[in-house]
Amino acid sequence: MNRTQLKRSSILRMALSGSETLEQGEHEESFILRAVKIAAVVALYWFISITMVFLNNFLLDNRELDAPLFVTFYQCVVTVGLCWLMQLFAKFFPGLINFPSVRFDLKTSREVLPLSVVFIGMITFNNLCLKFLGVAFYTVGRSLSTVFNVLLSFIILKQTTSLQALLCCGIILGGFWLGVDQEGLTGSLSWSGVFFGVLASAFVSLNAIYTKKVMPAVDGSIWKLSFYNNINACVLFLPLILVFGEVGRVASFSRMTDLSFWGMMTLGGVFGFAIGYVTGLQIKFTSPLTHNVSGTAKACAQTVIAVVYNQSSKSLLWWTSNMMVLGGSSAYTWVKSREMQKTAPRGPQDSAKEKLLPGEKDNPEV
């Protein structure tokens, strides 16, 4: 009898220890699998974002076709087409693709129109900044979006900012001025590019503010907002292209019938659409704070790649200006995230994700 009890107890211990080992193995496997997924999503975000910036720079730096408004207009057309395709795929493959049904409504379009005007300014000045400054100095040239976010939030929304956040803005401003000074010493500074960069930064902040106001009109769907924004932009770009004389430049362009040119143009639009998806994906798999840190690191890598690719020689102070801008932006994001967690009425992660998504994306990839 005792021998039977011993056998049973030993079998029970073996079973229990086996189940613990199995649970531990499953936990380790799930942790490794999640880590691999996060790494893959971050790598995808980096690839699409960096490729998009270099591709846009290639398209805008075309000496034969000086038509940045037309290039931006075409990318908006591609985005509208992709929205239609995605909703079509979502109907046939509901388990694989989740995309809202988008049907054009004139009333909704009018409600989104004020944001669309700001959106046009944002993407146009962003592309002009990239055209005149190049990829290497693009990060510094477009670095004031955080500063304008604080300034315009106070002017329009009457929101005050903490001293810590203001100190971060001071670091960004210092890095911007140091970068402009150092770029000027190399003789490659374009004041037009700096001007467009400042305007782009201001419009990025305005876009964040107006996005929050317009979101209820599209049922809180960022994809519906993208659809209406780009449809409105396509219409609004047409008179601008006429006024700035780009019709004649496009008509006289020698590669208008070249499929490779239109392929590159279409690819630029596809990457512009994809960046919105992978941005949301990275936030979903990590957090808004991690997304901003990833964006900052990506901007640093993007700058290094551009300098190496162009075989440029930059001074220590030039690199310092970049580190000040990137460090100040990361610190600002961390400070705002901590402040949101302290004032969050619900779980800190959920509240931070809701608040940080529309307005605190200070590494815009438009």
Protein backbone atom coordinates (compact mmCIF):
# COMPACT_ATOMS: atom_id res chain seq x y z
CA MET A 1 0.00 0.00 0.00
CA ASN A 2 2.79 2.42 0.97
CA ARG A 3 4.70 1.53 -2.20
CA THR A 4 1.57 2.28 -4.27
CA GLN A 5 1.16 5.70 -2.55
CA LEU A 6 4.82 6.46 -3.18
CA LYS A 7 4.45 5.62 -6.83
CA ARG A 8 1.36 7.78 -7.10
CA SER A 9 3.00 10.72 -5.32
CA SER A 10 6.12 10.46 -7.47
CA ILE A 11 4.03 10.34 -10.64
CA LEU A 12 2.06 13.37 -9.40
CA ARG A 13 5.29 15.30 -8.69
CA MET A 14 6.61 14.41 -12.14
CA ALA A 15 3.36 15.53 -13.75
CA LEU A 16 3.36 18.81 -11.80
CA SER A 17 7.01 19.51 -12.53
CA GLY A 18 6.37 18.64 -16.18
CA SER A 19 3.45 21.06 -16.37
CA GLU A 20 5.54 23.81 -14.76
CA THR A 21 8.32 23.19 -17.29
CA LEU A 22 5.76 23.23 -20.11
CA GLU A 23 4.21 26.51 -18.86
CA GLN A 24 7.67 28.06 -18.52
CA GLY A 25 8.55 26.89 -22.03
CA GLU A 26 5.30 28.32 -23.42
CA HIS A 27 5.96 31.61 -21.60
CA GLU A 28 9.48 31.81 -23.00
CA GLU A 29 8.24 30.89 -26.46
CA SER A 30 5.50 33.55 -26.34
CA PHE A 31 7.99 36.15 -25.09
CA ILE A 32 10.46 35.31 -27.87
CA LEU A 33 7.67 35.30 -30.44
CA ARG A 34 6.43 38.70 -29.25
CA ALA A 35 9.98 40.09 -29.28
CA VAL A 36 10.45 38.87 -32.85
CA LYS A 37 7.12 40.44 -33.88
CA ILE A 38 8.06 43.78 -32.31
CA ALA A 39 11.48 43.72 -33.96
CA ALA A 40 9.86 42.93 -37.33
CA VAL A 41 7.31 45.76 -36.99
CA VAL A 42 9.98 48.31 -35.96
CA ALA A 43 12.22 47.18 -38.83
CA LEU A 44 9.29 47.53 -41.26
CA TYR A 45 8.56 51.04 -39.96
CA TRP A 46 12.20 52.05 -40.38
CA PHE A 47 12.41 50.57 -43.88
CA ILE A 48 9.23 52.22 -45.19
CA SER A 49 9.90 55.58 -43.51
CA ILE A 50 13.55 55.91 -44.62
CA THR A 51 12.82 54.60 -48.12
CA MET A 52 9.92 57.04 -48.49
CA VAL A 53 12.08 60.03 -47.54
CA PHE A 54 14.86 59.09 -49.98
CA LEU A 55 12.33 58.28 -52.72
CA ASN A 56 10.57 61.63 -52.29
CA ASN A 57 13.93 63.39 -52.34
CA PHE A 58 14.75 61.61 -55.61
CA LEU A 59 11.42 62.62 -57.18
CA LEU A 60 11.58 66.23 -55.98
CA ASP A 61 15.24 66.69 -56.92
CA ASN A 62 14.51 65.94 -60.58
CA ARG A 63 16.16 68.76 -62.54
CA GLU A 64 14.06 68.02 -65.62
CA LEU A 65 10.75 68.30 -63.76
CA ASP A 66 10.54 71.21 -61.32
CA ALA A 67 6.95 70.53 -60.25
CA PRO A 68 6.75 69.70 -56.52
CA LEU A 69 3.02 70.48 -56.36
CA PHE A 70 2.28 68.03 -59.18
CA VAL A 71 4.35 65.30 -57.49
CA THR A 72 2.46 65.85 -54.21
CA PHE A 73 -0.90 65.95 -56.05
CA TYR A 74 -0.18 62.61 -57.73
CA GLN A 75 0.70 61.01 -54.40
CA CYS A 76 -2.67 62.16 -53.02
CA VAL A 77 -4.40 60.55 -56.04
CA VAL A 78 -2.56 57.28 -55.32
CA THR A 79 -3.65 57.41 -51.66
CA VAL A 80 -7.32 57.83 -52.65
CA GLY A 81 -7.02 54.89 -55.05
CA LEU A 82 -5.42 52.72 -52.35
CA CYS A 83 -8.21 53.56 -49.91
CA TRP A 84 -10.74 52.28 -52.45
CA LEU A 85 -8.69 49.13 -53.02
CA MET A 86 -8.25 48.46 -49.31
CA GLN A 87 -11.97 48.70 -48.59
CA LEU A 88 -12.60 46.36 -51.54
CA PHE A 89 -10.09 43.83 -50.19
CA ALA A 90 -11.63 44.16 -46.72
CA LYS A 91 -15.01 43.04 -48.15
CA PHE A 92 -13.56 39.94 -49.81
CA PHE A 93 -11.04 39.09 -47.06
CA PRO A 94 -12.61 40.36 -43.80
CA GLY A 95 -10.48 38.04 -41.68
CA LEU A 96 -7.19 39.29 -43.11
CA ILE A 97 -7.80 43.01 -43.75
CA ASN A 98 -9.58 45.42 -41.44
CA PHE A 99 -10.47 48.62 -43.26
CA PRO A 100 -13.54 50.84 -42.83
CA SER A 101 -16.07 51.27 -45.62
CA VAL A 102 -15.42 54.65 -47.25
CA ARG A 103 -18.14 56.25 -49.34
CA PHE A 104 -17.84 59.85 -50.39
CA ASP A 105 -20.24 62.18 -48.57
CA LEU A 106 -20.28 65.89 -49.51
CA LYS A 107 -21.29 67.01 -46.01
CA THR A 108 -18.39 65.13 -44.42
CA SER A 109 -16.04 66.48 -47.07
CA ARG A 110 -17.05 70.06 -46.19
CA GLU A 111 -16.51 69.38 -42.47
CA VAL A 112 -13.02 68.04 -43.19
CA LEU A 113 -12.18 70.91 -45.61
CA PRO A 114 -10.49 73.26 -43.04
CA LEU A 115 -8.17 70.42 -42.04
CA SER A 116 -7.54 69.64 -45.72
CA VAL A 117 -6.27 73.20 -46.29
CA VAL A 118 -3.82 72.75 -43.41
CA PHE A 119 -2.96 69.26 -44.70
CA ILE A 120 -2.06 70.69 -48.13
CA GLY A 121 0.22 73.27 -46.50
CA MET A 122 1.84 70.57 -44.38
CA ILE A 123 2.70 68.12 -47.16
CA THR A 124 3.62 70.86 -49.66
CA PHE A 125 6.02 72.71 -47.37
CA ASN A 126 7.36 69.39 -46.10
CA ASN A 127 8.24 68.32 -49.65
CA LEU A 128 9.70 71.75 -50.50
CA CYS A 129 11.88 71.57 -47.36
CA LEU A 130 13.12 68.13 -48.45
CA LYS A 131 13.72 69.40 -52.00
CA PHE A 132 15.88 72.37 -50.95
CA LEU A 133 17.62 70.97 -47.85
CA GLY A 134 18.17 67.32 -48.79
CA VAL A 135 17.88 64.28 -46.53
CA ALA A 136 20.97 64.95 -44.36
CA PHE A 137 19.75 68.29 -42.97
CA TYR A 138 16.06 67.42 -43.24
CA THR A 139 15.76 66.31 -39.60
CA VAL A 140 17.08 69.61 -38.25
CA GLY A 141 15.23 71.70 -40.84
CA ARG A 142 11.93 70.11 -39.80
CA SER A 143 12.64 69.98 -36.08
CA LEU A 144 10.45 72.82 -34.81
CA SER A 145 7.14 70.94 -34.90
CA THR A 146 7.40 70.26 -31.15
CA VAL A 147 8.03 73.95 -30.42
CA PHE A 148 5.08 75.01 -32.58
CA ASN A 149 2.95 72.33 -30.94
CA VAL A 150 3.52 73.98 -27.55
CA LEU A 151 3.09 77.52 -28.91
CA LEU A 152 -0.08 76.90 -30.95
CA SER A 153 -1.65 74.75 -28.22
CA PHE A 154 -1.31 77.76 -25.90
CA ILE A 155 -2.62 80.28 -28.47
CA ILE A 156 -5.50 78.21 -29.90
CA LEU A 157 -6.40 75.72 -27.15
CA LYS A 158 -5.21 77.81 -24.15
CA GLN A 159 -3.21 74.83 -22.90
CA THR A 160 -0.22 75.56 -20.68
CA THR A 161 3.03 73.58 -20.76
CA SER A 162 5.22 72.47 -17.87
CA LEU A 163 8.67 73.92 -17.25
CA GLN A 164 10.31 70.57 -18.07
CA ALA A 165 8.61 70.45 -21.47
CA LEU A 166 9.63 74.07 -22.15
CA LEU A 167 13.26 73.21 -21.33
CA CYS A 168 13.07 70.39 -23.90
CA CYS A 169 11.78 72.90 -26.45
CA GLY A 170 14.72 75.15 -25.58
CA ILE A 171 17.14 72.31 -26.37
CA ILE A 172 15.41 71.75 -29.73
CA LEU A 173 15.59 75.46 -30.57
CA GLY A 174 19.28 75.55 -29.65
CA GLY A 175 19.95 72.51 -31.85
CA PHE A 176 18.04 74.10 -34.74
CA TRP A 177 20.00 77.37 -34.63
CA LEU A 178 23.31 75.56 -34.20
CA GLY A 179 22.45 73.32 -37.16
CA VAL A 180 21.56 76.29 -39.38
CA ASP A 181 24.82 77.99 -38.38
CA GLN A 182 26.94 74.92 -39.11
CA GLU A 183 25.16 74.15 -42.39
CA GLY A 184 25.77 77.77 -43.40
CA LEU A 185 29.48 77.42 -42.73
CA THR A 186 29.67 74.51 -45.17
CA GLY A 187 28.17 76.71 -47.88
CA SER A 188 25.34 74.27 -48.62
CA LEU A 189 22.58 75.99 -46.63
CA SER A 190 19.40 76.91 -48.50
CA TRP A 191 17.51 79.67 -46.71
CA SER A 192 14.46 78.79 -48.82
CA GLY A 193 14.68 75.26 -47.44
CA VAL A 194 14.94 76.56 -43.86
CA PHE A 195 11.92 78.83 -44.45
CA PHE A 196 9.88 75.94 -45.85
CA GLY A 197 11.03 73.74 -42.97
CA VAL A 198 9.77 76.25 -40.40
CA LEU A 199 6.44 76.55 -42.25
CA ALA A 200 6.16 72.75 -42.49
CA SER A 201 6.76 72.45 -38.73
CA ALA A 202 4.03 75.03 -38.02
CA PHE A 203 1.56 73.25 -40.31
CA VAL A 204 2.35 69.86 -38.73
CA SER A 205 1.31 71.31 -35.37
CA LEU A 206 -1.81 72.93 -36.85
CA ASN A 207 -2.66 69.62 -38.50
CA ALA A 208 -2.48 67.84 -35.12
CA ILE A 209 -4.79 70.43 -33.51
CA TYR A 210 -7.36 70.43 -36.32
CA THR A 211 -7.26 66.62 -36.56
CA LYS A 212 -8.58 66.40 -32.99
CA LYS A 213 -11.45 68.74 -33.92
CA VAL A 214 -12.39 66.93 -37.14
CA MET A 215 -12.13 63.30 -35.94
CA PRO A 216 -15.79 63.12 -34.78
CA ALA A 217 -16.93 63.93 -38.35
CA VAL A 218 -15.29 60.71 -39.60
CA ASP A 219 -16.39 58.56 -36.64
CA GLY A 220 -12.88 58.65 -35.18
CA SER A 221 -11.46 56.66 -38.11
CA ILE A 222 -7.99 57.79 -39.20
CA TRP A 223 -8.45 55.96 -42.54
CA LYS A 224 -11.71 57.77 -43.32
CA LEU A 225 -9.96 61.01 -42.45
CA SER A 226 -7.10 60.13 -44.81
CA PHE A 227 -9.62 59.34 -47.56
CA TYR A 228 -11.49 62.66 -47.30
CA ASN A 229 -8.30 64.65 -46.71
CA ASN A 230 -6.69 63.33 -49.88
CA ILE A 231 -9.84 63.73 -52.01
CA ASN A 232 -10.11 67.37 -50.91
CA ALA A 233 -6.37 67.82 -51.49
CA CYS A 234 -6.66 66.47 -55.07
CA VAL A 235 -9.29 69.13 -55.86
CA LEU A 236 -7.47 71.97 -54.08
CA PHE A 237 -4.13 71.17 -55.70
CA LEU A 238 -5.47 71.68 -59.24
CA PRO A 239 -5.78 75.50 -59.09
CA LEU A 240 -2.43 75.72 -57.27
CA ILE A 241 -0.73 73.74 -60.05
CA LEU A 242 -2.25 76.16 -62.59
CA VAL A 243 -1.33 79.33 -60.65
CA PHE A 244 2.30 78.29 -60.12
CA GLY A 245 2.77 77.39 -63.78
CA GLU A 246 3.48 73.69 -63.32
CA VAL A 247 1.12 72.61 -66.11
CA GLY A 248 3.56 73.81 -68.77
CA ARG A 249 6.51 72.14 -67.03
CA VAL A 250 4.67 68.84 -66.78
CA ALA A 251 3.50 69.03 -70.42
CA SER A 252 7.05 69.66 -71.66
CA PHE A 253 8.60 66.94 -69.50
CA SER A 254 10.43 64.47 -71.75
CA ARG A 255 9.64 61.39 -69.62
CA MET A 256 5.86 61.76 -69.45
CA THR A 257 5.43 58.50 -71.38
CA ASP A 258 8.19 56.68 -69.47
CA LEU A 259 6.65 53.85 -67.41
CA SER A 260 9.63 53.77 -65.03
CA PHE A 261 9.00 57.41 -64.08
CA TRP A 262 5.32 56.74 -63.33
CA GLY A 263 6.33 53.60 -61.49
CA MET A 264 8.56 55.63 -59.16
CA MET A 265 5.81 58.24 -58.73
CA THR A 266 3.27 55.55 -57.87
CA LEU A 267 5.72 53.86 -55.50
CA GLY A 268 6.16 57.18 -53.68
CA GLY A 269 2.37 57.33 -53.20
CA VAL A 270 2.25 53.73 -51.99
CA PHE A 271 4.97 54.37 -49.41
CA GLY A 272 3.15 57.54 -48.32
CA PHE A 273 0.02 55.46 -47.74
CA ALA A 274 1.94 52.64 -46.06
CA ILE A 275 3.63 54.90 -43.51
CA GLY A 276 0.23 55.57 -41.91
CA TYR A 277 -0.39 51.84 -41.56
CA VAL A 278 3.03 50.90 -40.16
CA THR A 279 2.92 53.87 -37.75
CA GLY A 280 -0.32 52.55 -36.27
CA LEU A 281 1.12 49.03 -36.27
CA GLN A 282 4.23 50.11 -34.35
CA ILE A 283 2.13 51.93 -31.75
CA LYS A 284 -0.12 48.85 -31.43
CA PHE A 285 2.79 46.46 -30.83
CA THR A 286 4.79 48.82 -28.58
CA SER A 287 3.47 52.13 -27.18
CA PRO A 288 3.23 55.79 -28.26
CA LEU A 289 6.37 56.61 -26.27
CA THR A 290 8.34 53.73 -27.82
CA HIS A 291 7.06 54.79 -31.24
CA ASN A 292 8.44 58.29 -30.78
CA VAL A 293 11.77 56.96 -29.52
CA SER A 294 11.88 54.63 -32.52
CA GLY A 295 11.11 57.57 -34.81
CA THR A 296 13.92 59.59 -33.25
CA ALA A 297 16.42 56.76 -33.66
CA LYS A 298 15.21 56.29 -37.23
CA ALA A 299 15.80 59.98 -37.97
CA CYS A 300 19.34 59.65 -36.61
CA ALA A 301 20.00 56.59 -38.81
CA GLN A 302 18.45 58.38 -41.78
CA THR A 303 20.83 61.33 -41.32
CA VAL A 304 23.87 59.05 -41.07
CA ILE A 305 22.82 57.14 -44.20
CA ALA A 306 22.37 60.40 -46.14
CA VAL A 307 25.79 61.75 -45.07
CA VAL A 308 27.53 58.47 -45.96
CA TYR A 309 25.66 58.16 -49.27
CA ASN A 310 26.54 61.72 -50.31
CA GLN A 311 30.12 61.26 -49.03
CA SER A 312 29.80 64.48 -47.03
CA SER A 313 32.13 65.66 -44.29
CA LYS A 314 30.35 67.22 -41.30
CA SER A 315 31.81 69.00 -38.28
CA LEU A 316 31.41 67.90 -34.67
CA LEU A 317 29.10 70.87 -33.99
CA TRP A 318 26.91 69.87 -36.95
CA TRP A 319 26.44 66.41 -35.43
CA THR A 320 25.91 68.03 -32.02
CA SER A 321 23.01 70.05 -33.44
CA ASN A 322 21.37 66.85 -34.66
CA MET A 323 21.83 65.18 -31.28
CA MET A 324 20.34 68.24 -29.53
CA VAL A 325 17.28 68.17 -31.78
CA LEU A 326 16.76 64.42 -31.45
CA GLY A 327 17.54 64.37 -27.72
CA GLY A 328 15.22 67.31 -27.01
CA SER A 329 12.39 65.71 -28.99
CA SER A 330 12.80 62.39 -27.15
CA ALA A 331 12.92 64.13 -23.77
CA TYR A 332 9.79 66.14 -24.61
CA THR A 333 7.92 62.97 -25.56
CA TRP A 334 9.00 61.28 -22.31
CA VAL A 335 7.96 64.30 -20.21
CA LYS A 336 4.53 64.52 -21.88
CA SER A 337 4.02 60.78 -21.47
CA ARG A 338 4.76 61.02 -17.73
CA GLU A 339 2.40 63.97 -17.37
CA MET A 340 -0.40 62.08 -19.14
CA GLN A 341 0.08 59.05 -16.91
CA LYS A 342 -0.26 61.22 -13.80
CA THR A 343 -3.49 62.87 -14.99
CA ALA A 344 -5.00 59.78 -16.67
CA PRO A 345 -8.48 58.97 -15.30
CA ARG A 346 -8.19 55.37 -16.61
CA GLY A 347 -5.27 53.04 -17.22
CA PRO A 348 -2.19 55.12 -18.05
CA GLN A 349 -1.31 53.14 -21.16
CA ASP A 350 -4.77 53.45 -22.72
CA SER A 351 -5.05 57.14 -21.95
CA ALA A 352 -1.56 57.90 -23.20
CA LYS A 353 -2.22 56.00 -26.41
CA GLU A 354 -5.45 57.90 -27.03
CA LYS A 355 -3.94 61.33 -26.37
CA LEU A 356 -0.56 60.87 -27.93
CA LEU A 357 -1.66 59.47 -31.26
CA PRO A 358 -3.25 62.50 -32.94
CA GLY A 359 -1.30 65.36 -31.43
CA GLU A 360 2.07 64.26 -30.14
CA LYS A 361 3.53 62.60 -33.20
CA ASP A 362 6.53 64.85 -33.41
CA ASN A 363 8.32 62.71 -35.98
CA PRO A 364 5.88 63.19 -38.82
CA GLU A 365 6.53 61.18 -41.98
CA VAL A 366 4.18 62.93 -44.30
